């Protein structure tokens, strides 16, 4: 019976060691297809006050993922101090007018500081 306990213990130990291994996380990237990677990229852009990310942030307001839209809106609000009537939970047609206002705001930002916004 002692031998069975050792085997069972060894099997359990080897089995659990595989559970602790995880794949490396991709670097935060607003352009990534994975929403969690995208959201991490949005958070990183805000933390770094990266105005070069503004075009990508405005683009994410049209994402099919409401969580991505929410984080993009919060990021843009930090940069602009405005929401332009945009609400992440509205359907595509309802978001269209406020999205157009964001796109116009972005154009204005690009005219004022073209080098930093990757015009």
N, C-alpha and C. Protein backbone atom coordinates (compact mmCIF):
# COMPACT_ATOMS: atom_id res chain seq x y z
N UNK A 1 0.83 -1.20 0.00
CA UNK A 1 0.00 0.00 0.00
C UNK A 1 0.87 1.25 0.00
N UNK A 2 2.04 1.21 0.64
CA UNK A 2 2.95 2.34 0.63
C UNK A 2 3.38 2.69 -0.77
N UNK A 3 3.55 1.68 -1.60
CA UNK A 3 3.99 1.89 -2.98
C UNK A 3 2.88 2.60 -3.78
N UNK A 4 1.66 2.23 -3.58
CA UNK A 4 0.54 2.88 -4.27
C UNK A 4 0.42 4.33 -3.84
N UNK A 5 0.64 4.62 -2.60
CA UNK A 5 0.55 6.00 -2.12
C UNK A 5 1.62 6.86 -2.75
N UNK A 6 2.81 6.32 -2.89
CA UNK A 6 3.88 7.08 -3.53
C UNK A 6 3.56 7.37 -4.98
N UNK A 7 3.06 6.35 -5.67
CA UNK A 7 2.69 6.54 -7.08
C UNK A 7 1.56 7.55 -7.21
N UNK A 8 0.59 7.42 -6.35
CA UNK A 8 -0.54 8.36 -6.41
C UNK A 8 -0.06 9.77 -6.12
N UNK A 9 0.82 9.90 -5.13
CA UNK A 9 1.36 11.22 -4.80
C UNK A 9 2.18 11.80 -5.94
N UNK A 10 3.01 10.95 -6.56
CA UNK A 10 3.83 11.40 -7.68
C UNK A 10 2.95 11.80 -8.86
N UNK A 11 1.93 11.01 -9.14
CA UNK A 11 1.01 11.33 -10.24
C UNK A 11 0.30 12.65 -9.97
N UNK A 12 -0.12 12.83 -8.74
CA UNK A 12 -0.81 14.06 -8.38
C UNK A 12 0.14 15.26 -8.53
N UNK A 13 1.35 15.12 -8.06
CA UNK A 13 2.33 16.19 -8.16
C UNK A 13 2.62 16.53 -9.61
N UNK A 14 2.83 15.53 -10.44
CA UNK A 14 3.10 15.77 -11.85
C UNK A 14 1.89 16.39 -12.55
N UNK A 15 0.73 15.93 -12.20
CA UNK A 15 -0.50 16.48 -12.80
C UNK A 15 -0.71 17.94 -12.44
N UNK A 16 -0.48 18.28 -11.18
CA UNK A 16 -0.67 19.66 -10.74
C UNK A 16 0.39 20.60 -11.28
N UNK A 17 1.58 20.08 -11.53
CA UNK A 17 2.63 20.96 -12.06
C UNK A 17 2.25 21.48 -13.44
N UNK A 18 1.51 20.73 -14.21
CA UNK A 18 1.06 21.18 -15.53
C UNK A 18 -0.01 22.25 -15.44
N UNK A 19 -0.79 22.25 -14.37
CA UNK A 19 -1.86 23.24 -14.20
C UNK A 19 -1.28 24.63 -14.00
N UNK A 20 -0.14 24.71 -13.36
CA UNK A 20 0.45 26.01 -13.05
C UNK A 20 1.06 26.68 -14.29
N UNK A 21 1.31 25.93 -15.33
CA UNK A 21 1.90 26.50 -16.54
C UNK A 21 0.83 27.18 -17.37
N UNK A 22 1.13 28.36 -17.83
CA UNK A 22 0.21 29.06 -18.72
C UNK A 22 0.99 29.63 -19.89
N UNK A 23 0.30 29.83 -20.97
CA UNK A 23 0.93 30.42 -22.15
C UNK A 23 1.28 31.87 -21.85
N UNK A 24 2.35 32.36 -22.41
CA UNK A 24 2.70 33.77 -22.17
C UNK A 24 1.63 34.68 -22.76
N UNK A 25 1.37 35.77 -22.07
CA UNK A 25 0.37 36.72 -22.55
C UNK A 25 0.97 37.58 -23.65
N UNK A 26 0.18 37.85 -24.69
CA UNK A 26 0.69 38.75 -25.73
C UNK A 26 0.81 40.17 -25.18
N UNK A 27 1.68 40.93 -25.77
CA UNK A 27 1.85 42.33 -25.36
C UNK A 27 0.57 43.10 -25.63
N UNK A 28 0.24 44.07 -24.78
CA UNK A 28 -0.95 44.89 -25.03
C UNK A 28 -0.89 45.53 -26.41
N UNK A 29 -2.02 45.47 -27.12
CA UNK A 29 -2.05 45.98 -28.49
C UNK A 29 -3.48 46.33 -28.87
N UNK A 30 -3.74 47.59 -29.11
CA UNK A 30 -5.10 48.03 -29.46
C UNK A 30 -5.59 47.38 -30.74
N UNK A 31 -4.69 47.02 -31.64
CA UNK A 31 -5.08 46.45 -32.93
C UNK A 31 -5.29 44.94 -32.89
N UNK A 32 -5.02 44.30 -31.77
CA UNK A 32 -5.16 42.84 -31.67
C UNK A 32 -6.62 42.42 -31.79
N UNK A 33 -6.83 41.23 -32.34
CA UNK A 33 -8.20 40.73 -32.48
C UNK A 33 -8.80 40.28 -31.14
N UNK A 34 -7.96 39.88 -30.20
CA UNK A 34 -8.42 39.41 -28.89
C UNK A 34 -8.82 40.62 -28.04
N UNK A 35 -10.08 40.69 -27.61
CA UNK A 35 -10.53 41.84 -26.82
C UNK A 35 -9.72 42.08 -25.54
N UNK A 36 -9.25 41.03 -24.88
CA UNK A 36 -8.49 41.24 -23.66
C UNK A 36 -7.14 41.90 -23.95
N UNK A 37 -6.52 41.53 -25.05
CA UNK A 37 -5.25 42.14 -25.46
C UNK A 37 -5.50 43.59 -25.90
N UNK A 38 -6.61 43.77 -26.61
CA UNK A 38 -7.00 45.10 -27.08
C UNK A 38 -7.25 46.05 -25.91
N UNK A 39 -8.00 45.59 -24.93
CA UNK A 39 -8.31 46.41 -23.76
C UNK A 39 -7.04 46.73 -22.98
N UNK A 40 -6.15 45.76 -22.87
CA UNK A 40 -4.86 46.02 -22.21
C UNK A 40 -4.09 47.11 -22.97
N UNK A 41 -4.17 47.08 -24.30
CA UNK A 41 -3.52 48.11 -25.11
C UNK A 41 -4.14 49.48 -24.89
N UNK A 42 -5.46 49.52 -24.74
CA UNK A 42 -6.15 50.78 -24.46
C UNK A 42 -5.71 51.33 -23.11
N UNK A 43 -5.68 50.47 -22.11
CA UNK A 43 -5.25 50.90 -20.77
C UNK A 43 -3.81 51.42 -20.80
N UNK A 44 -2.97 50.73 -21.55
CA UNK A 44 -1.57 51.14 -21.65
C UNK A 44 -1.45 52.51 -22.33
N UNK A 45 -2.24 52.75 -23.36
CA UNK A 45 -2.21 54.04 -24.05
C UNK A 45 -2.59 55.17 -23.10
N UNK A 46 -3.58 54.93 -22.26
CA UNK A 46 -3.99 55.95 -21.28
C UNK A 46 -2.88 56.16 -20.25
N UNK A 47 -2.33 55.08 -19.73
CA UNK A 47 -1.29 55.19 -18.71
C UNK A 47 -0.07 55.95 -19.24
N UNK A 48 0.22 55.76 -20.50
CA UNK A 48 1.38 56.43 -21.11
C UNK A 48 1.04 57.79 -21.72
N UNK A 49 -0.26 58.14 -21.65
CA UNK A 49 -0.74 59.38 -22.27
C UNK A 49 -0.30 59.46 -23.73
N UNK A 50 -0.50 58.34 -24.41
CA UNK A 50 -0.03 58.16 -25.78
C UNK A 50 -1.04 58.72 -26.78
N UNK A 51 -0.84 59.96 -27.18
CA UNK A 51 -1.76 60.60 -28.13
C UNK A 51 -1.67 59.97 -29.52
N UNK A 52 -0.59 59.27 -29.81
CA UNK A 52 -0.48 58.58 -31.09
C UNK A 52 -1.52 57.45 -31.20
N UNK A 53 -2.08 57.04 -30.08
CA UNK A 53 -3.10 55.98 -30.07
C UNK A 53 -4.50 56.51 -30.35
N UNK A 54 -4.67 57.83 -30.42
CA UNK A 54 -6.01 58.39 -30.61
C UNK A 54 -6.75 57.84 -31.83
N UNK A 55 -6.11 57.72 -33.00
CA UNK A 55 -6.86 57.15 -34.14
C UNK A 55 -7.36 55.74 -33.87
N UNK A 56 -6.54 54.91 -33.23
CA UNK A 56 -6.95 53.54 -32.92
C UNK A 56 -8.08 53.54 -31.88
N UNK A 57 -8.02 54.46 -30.94
CA UNK A 57 -9.07 54.54 -29.92
C UNK A 57 -10.40 54.93 -30.54
N UNK A 58 -10.37 55.92 -31.42
CA UNK A 58 -11.62 56.32 -32.09
C UNK A 58 -12.15 55.17 -32.95
N UNK A 59 -11.26 54.46 -33.60
CA UNK A 59 -11.67 53.30 -34.41
C UNK A 59 -12.36 52.25 -33.54
N UNK A 60 -11.89 52.06 -32.31
CA UNK A 60 -12.48 51.05 -31.43
C UNK A 60 -13.87 51.42 -30.94
N UNK A 61 -14.27 52.67 -31.10
CA UNK A 61 -15.65 53.05 -30.75
C UNK A 61 -16.65 52.35 -31.66
N UNK A 62 -16.17 51.81 -32.78
CA UNK A 62 -17.04 51.10 -33.72
C UNK A 62 -16.86 49.58 -33.60
N UNK A 63 -16.20 49.13 -32.54
CA UNK A 63 -15.99 47.70 -32.32
C UNK A 63 -17.31 46.98 -32.12
N UNK A 64 -17.34 45.70 -32.47
CA UNK A 64 -18.55 44.92 -32.21
C UNK A 64 -18.60 44.43 -30.76
N UNK A 65 -17.53 44.66 -30.00
CA UNK A 65 -17.46 44.25 -28.60
C UNK A 65 -17.77 45.44 -27.69
N UNK A 66 -18.86 45.38 -26.93
CA UNK A 66 -19.22 46.52 -26.08
C UNK A 66 -18.17 46.84 -25.02
N UNK A 67 -17.44 45.85 -24.52
CA UNK A 67 -16.41 46.11 -23.52
C UNK A 67 -15.27 46.93 -24.14
N UNK A 68 -14.90 46.59 -25.36
CA UNK A 68 -13.86 47.34 -26.06
C UNK A 68 -14.33 48.78 -26.27
N UNK A 69 -15.58 48.94 -26.68
CA UNK A 69 -16.12 50.30 -26.88
C UNK A 69 -16.10 51.09 -25.57
N UNK A 70 -16.46 50.44 -24.46
CA UNK A 70 -16.47 51.11 -23.16
C UNK A 70 -15.07 51.59 -22.79
N UNK A 71 -14.08 50.72 -22.91
CA UNK A 71 -12.72 51.11 -22.55
C UNK A 71 -12.18 52.19 -23.49
N UNK A 72 -12.51 52.09 -24.78
CA UNK A 72 -12.07 53.12 -25.73
C UNK A 72 -12.71 54.46 -25.38
N UNK A 73 -13.97 54.45 -25.03
CA UNK A 73 -14.66 55.69 -24.66
C UNK A 73 -14.04 56.30 -23.41
N UNK A 74 -13.80 55.48 -22.41
CA UNK A 74 -13.19 55.99 -21.18
C UNK A 74 -11.80 56.58 -21.45
N UNK A 75 -11.05 55.93 -22.32
CA UNK A 75 -9.72 56.44 -22.67
C UNK A 75 -9.84 57.78 -23.39
N UNK A 76 -10.72 57.84 -24.37
CA UNK A 76 -10.88 59.08 -25.13
C UNK A 76 -11.39 60.21 -24.25
N UNK A 77 -12.24 59.88 -23.32
CA UNK A 77 -12.75 60.89 -22.40
C UNK A 77 -11.61 61.46 -21.54
N UNK A 78 -10.65 60.63 -21.19
CA UNK A 78 -9.48 61.10 -20.43
C UNK A 78 -8.67 62.09 -21.27
N UNK A 79 -8.55 61.81 -22.57
CA UNK A 79 -7.78 62.68 -23.46
C UNK A 79 -8.52 63.97 -23.80
N UNK A 80 -9.83 63.87 -23.98
CA UNK A 80 -10.59 65.02 -24.51
C UNK A 80 -11.41 65.76 -23.47
N UNK A 81 -11.79 65.07 -22.40
CA UNK A 81 -12.68 65.68 -21.41
C UNK A 81 -14.13 65.69 -21.85
N UNK A 82 -14.45 64.94 -22.91
CA UNK A 82 -15.82 64.93 -23.45
C UNK A 82 -16.20 63.52 -23.87
N UNK A 83 -17.51 63.31 -24.05
CA UNK A 83 -18.02 62.04 -24.56
C UNK A 83 -18.70 62.22 -25.92
N UNK A 84 -18.99 63.44 -26.28
CA UNK A 84 -19.66 63.77 -27.55
C UNK A 84 -20.96 62.99 -27.74
N UNK A 85 -21.64 62.71 -26.63
CA UNK A 85 -22.92 62.01 -26.70
C UNK A 85 -22.81 60.52 -26.96
N UNK A 86 -21.61 59.99 -26.98
CA UNK A 86 -21.40 58.58 -27.28
C UNK A 86 -21.72 57.72 -26.07
N UNK A 87 -22.44 56.65 -26.29
CA UNK A 87 -22.72 55.64 -25.26
C UNK A 87 -22.41 54.28 -25.84
N UNK A 88 -21.53 53.56 -25.20
CA UNK A 88 -21.03 52.29 -25.72
C UNK A 88 -22.10 51.24 -25.91
N UNK A 89 -23.19 51.30 -25.15
CA UNK A 89 -24.21 50.26 -25.17
C UNK A 89 -25.28 50.46 -26.24
N UNK A 90 -25.27 51.59 -26.92
CA UNK A 90 -26.25 51.82 -27.98
C UNK A 90 -25.94 50.96 -29.20
N UNK A 91 -26.97 50.71 -30.02
CA UNK A 91 -26.71 49.92 -31.22
C UNK A 91 -25.95 50.77 -32.24
N UNK A 92 -25.49 50.11 -33.27
CA UNK A 92 -24.62 50.75 -34.26
C UNK A 92 -25.23 52.02 -34.86
N UNK A 93 -26.48 51.94 -35.23
CA UNK A 93 -27.13 53.10 -35.83
C UNK A 93 -27.26 54.26 -34.83
N UNK A 94 -27.57 53.95 -33.60
CA UNK A 94 -27.69 54.99 -32.58
C UNK A 94 -26.35 55.62 -32.24
N UNK A 95 -25.28 54.86 -32.38
CA UNK A 95 -23.93 55.38 -32.09
C UNK A 95 -23.38 56.22 -33.24
N UNK A 96 -23.91 56.06 -34.42
CA UNK A 96 -23.35 56.70 -35.62
C UNK A 96 -23.15 58.21 -35.50
N UNK A 97 -24.14 58.99 -35.06
CA UNK A 97 -23.93 60.45 -34.98
C UNK A 97 -22.81 60.85 -34.02
N UNK A 98 -22.74 60.21 -32.86
CA UNK A 98 -21.68 60.56 -31.91
C UNK A 98 -20.33 60.04 -32.38
N UNK A 99 -20.32 58.93 -33.09
CA UNK A 99 -19.07 58.44 -33.66
C UNK A 99 -18.53 59.45 -34.69
N UNK A 100 -19.43 60.02 -35.46
CA UNK A 100 -19.02 61.06 -36.43
C UNK A 100 -18.42 62.26 -35.71
N UNK A 101 -18.98 62.61 -34.56
CA UNK A 101 -18.40 63.72 -33.77
C UNK A 101 -17.01 63.37 -33.28
N UNK A 102 -16.79 62.12 -32.86
CA UNK A 102 -15.46 61.69 -32.44
C UNK A 102 -14.49 61.73 -33.62
N UNK A 103 -14.94 61.31 -34.78
CA UNK A 103 -14.07 61.33 -35.95
C UNK A 103 -13.70 62.77 -36.33
N UNK A 104 -14.63 63.68 -36.19
CA UNK A 104 -14.34 65.09 -36.46
C UNK A 104 -13.36 65.63 -35.41
N UNK A 105 -13.55 65.27 -34.17
CA UNK A 105 -12.62 65.69 -33.11
C UNK A 105 -11.21 65.19 -33.42
N UNK A 106 -11.11 63.94 -33.89
CA UNK A 106 -9.81 63.37 -34.23
C UNK A 106 -9.16 64.15 -35.37
N UNK A 107 -9.93 64.49 -36.38
CA UNK A 107 -9.38 65.28 -37.50
C UNK A 107 -8.84 66.61 -36.99
N UNK A 108 -9.56 67.23 -36.07
CA UNK A 108 -9.10 68.49 -35.50
C UNK A 108 -7.79 68.28 -34.73
N UNK A 109 -7.70 67.22 -33.98
CA UNK A 109 -6.48 66.92 -33.24
C UNK A 109 -5.31 66.70 -34.20
N UNK A 110 -5.58 66.03 -35.30
CA UNK A 110 -4.53 65.76 -36.29
C UNK A 110 -4.06 67.04 -36.97
N UNK A 111 -4.97 67.98 -37.18
CA UNK A 111 -4.58 69.26 -37.78
C UNK A 111 -3.71 70.06 -36.81
N UNK A 112 -4.03 69.98 -35.52
CA UNK A 112 -3.31 70.74 -34.51
C UNK A 112 -1.96 70.13 -34.16
N UNK A 113 -1.84 68.81 -34.21
CA UNK A 113 -0.60 68.14 -33.83
C UNK A 113 -0.37 66.92 -34.74
N UNK A 114 -0.16 67.13 -36.03
CA UNK A 114 -0.07 65.99 -36.97
C UNK A 114 1.06 65.02 -36.69
N UNK A 115 2.19 65.48 -36.21
CA UNK A 115 3.32 64.58 -36.00
C UNK A 115 3.05 63.57 -34.89
N UNK A 116 2.36 63.97 -33.85
CA UNK A 116 2.15 63.07 -32.72
C UNK A 116 0.98 62.12 -32.92
N UNK A 117 0.18 62.33 -33.96
CA UNK A 117 -1.00 61.49 -34.15
C UNK A 117 -0.90 60.59 -35.37
N UNK A 118 0.24 60.49 -35.97
CA UNK A 118 0.41 59.59 -37.09
C UNK A 118 -0.52 59.86 -38.25
N UNK A 119 -0.67 61.10 -38.59
CA UNK A 119 -1.60 61.51 -39.65
C UNK A 119 -1.31 60.85 -40.96
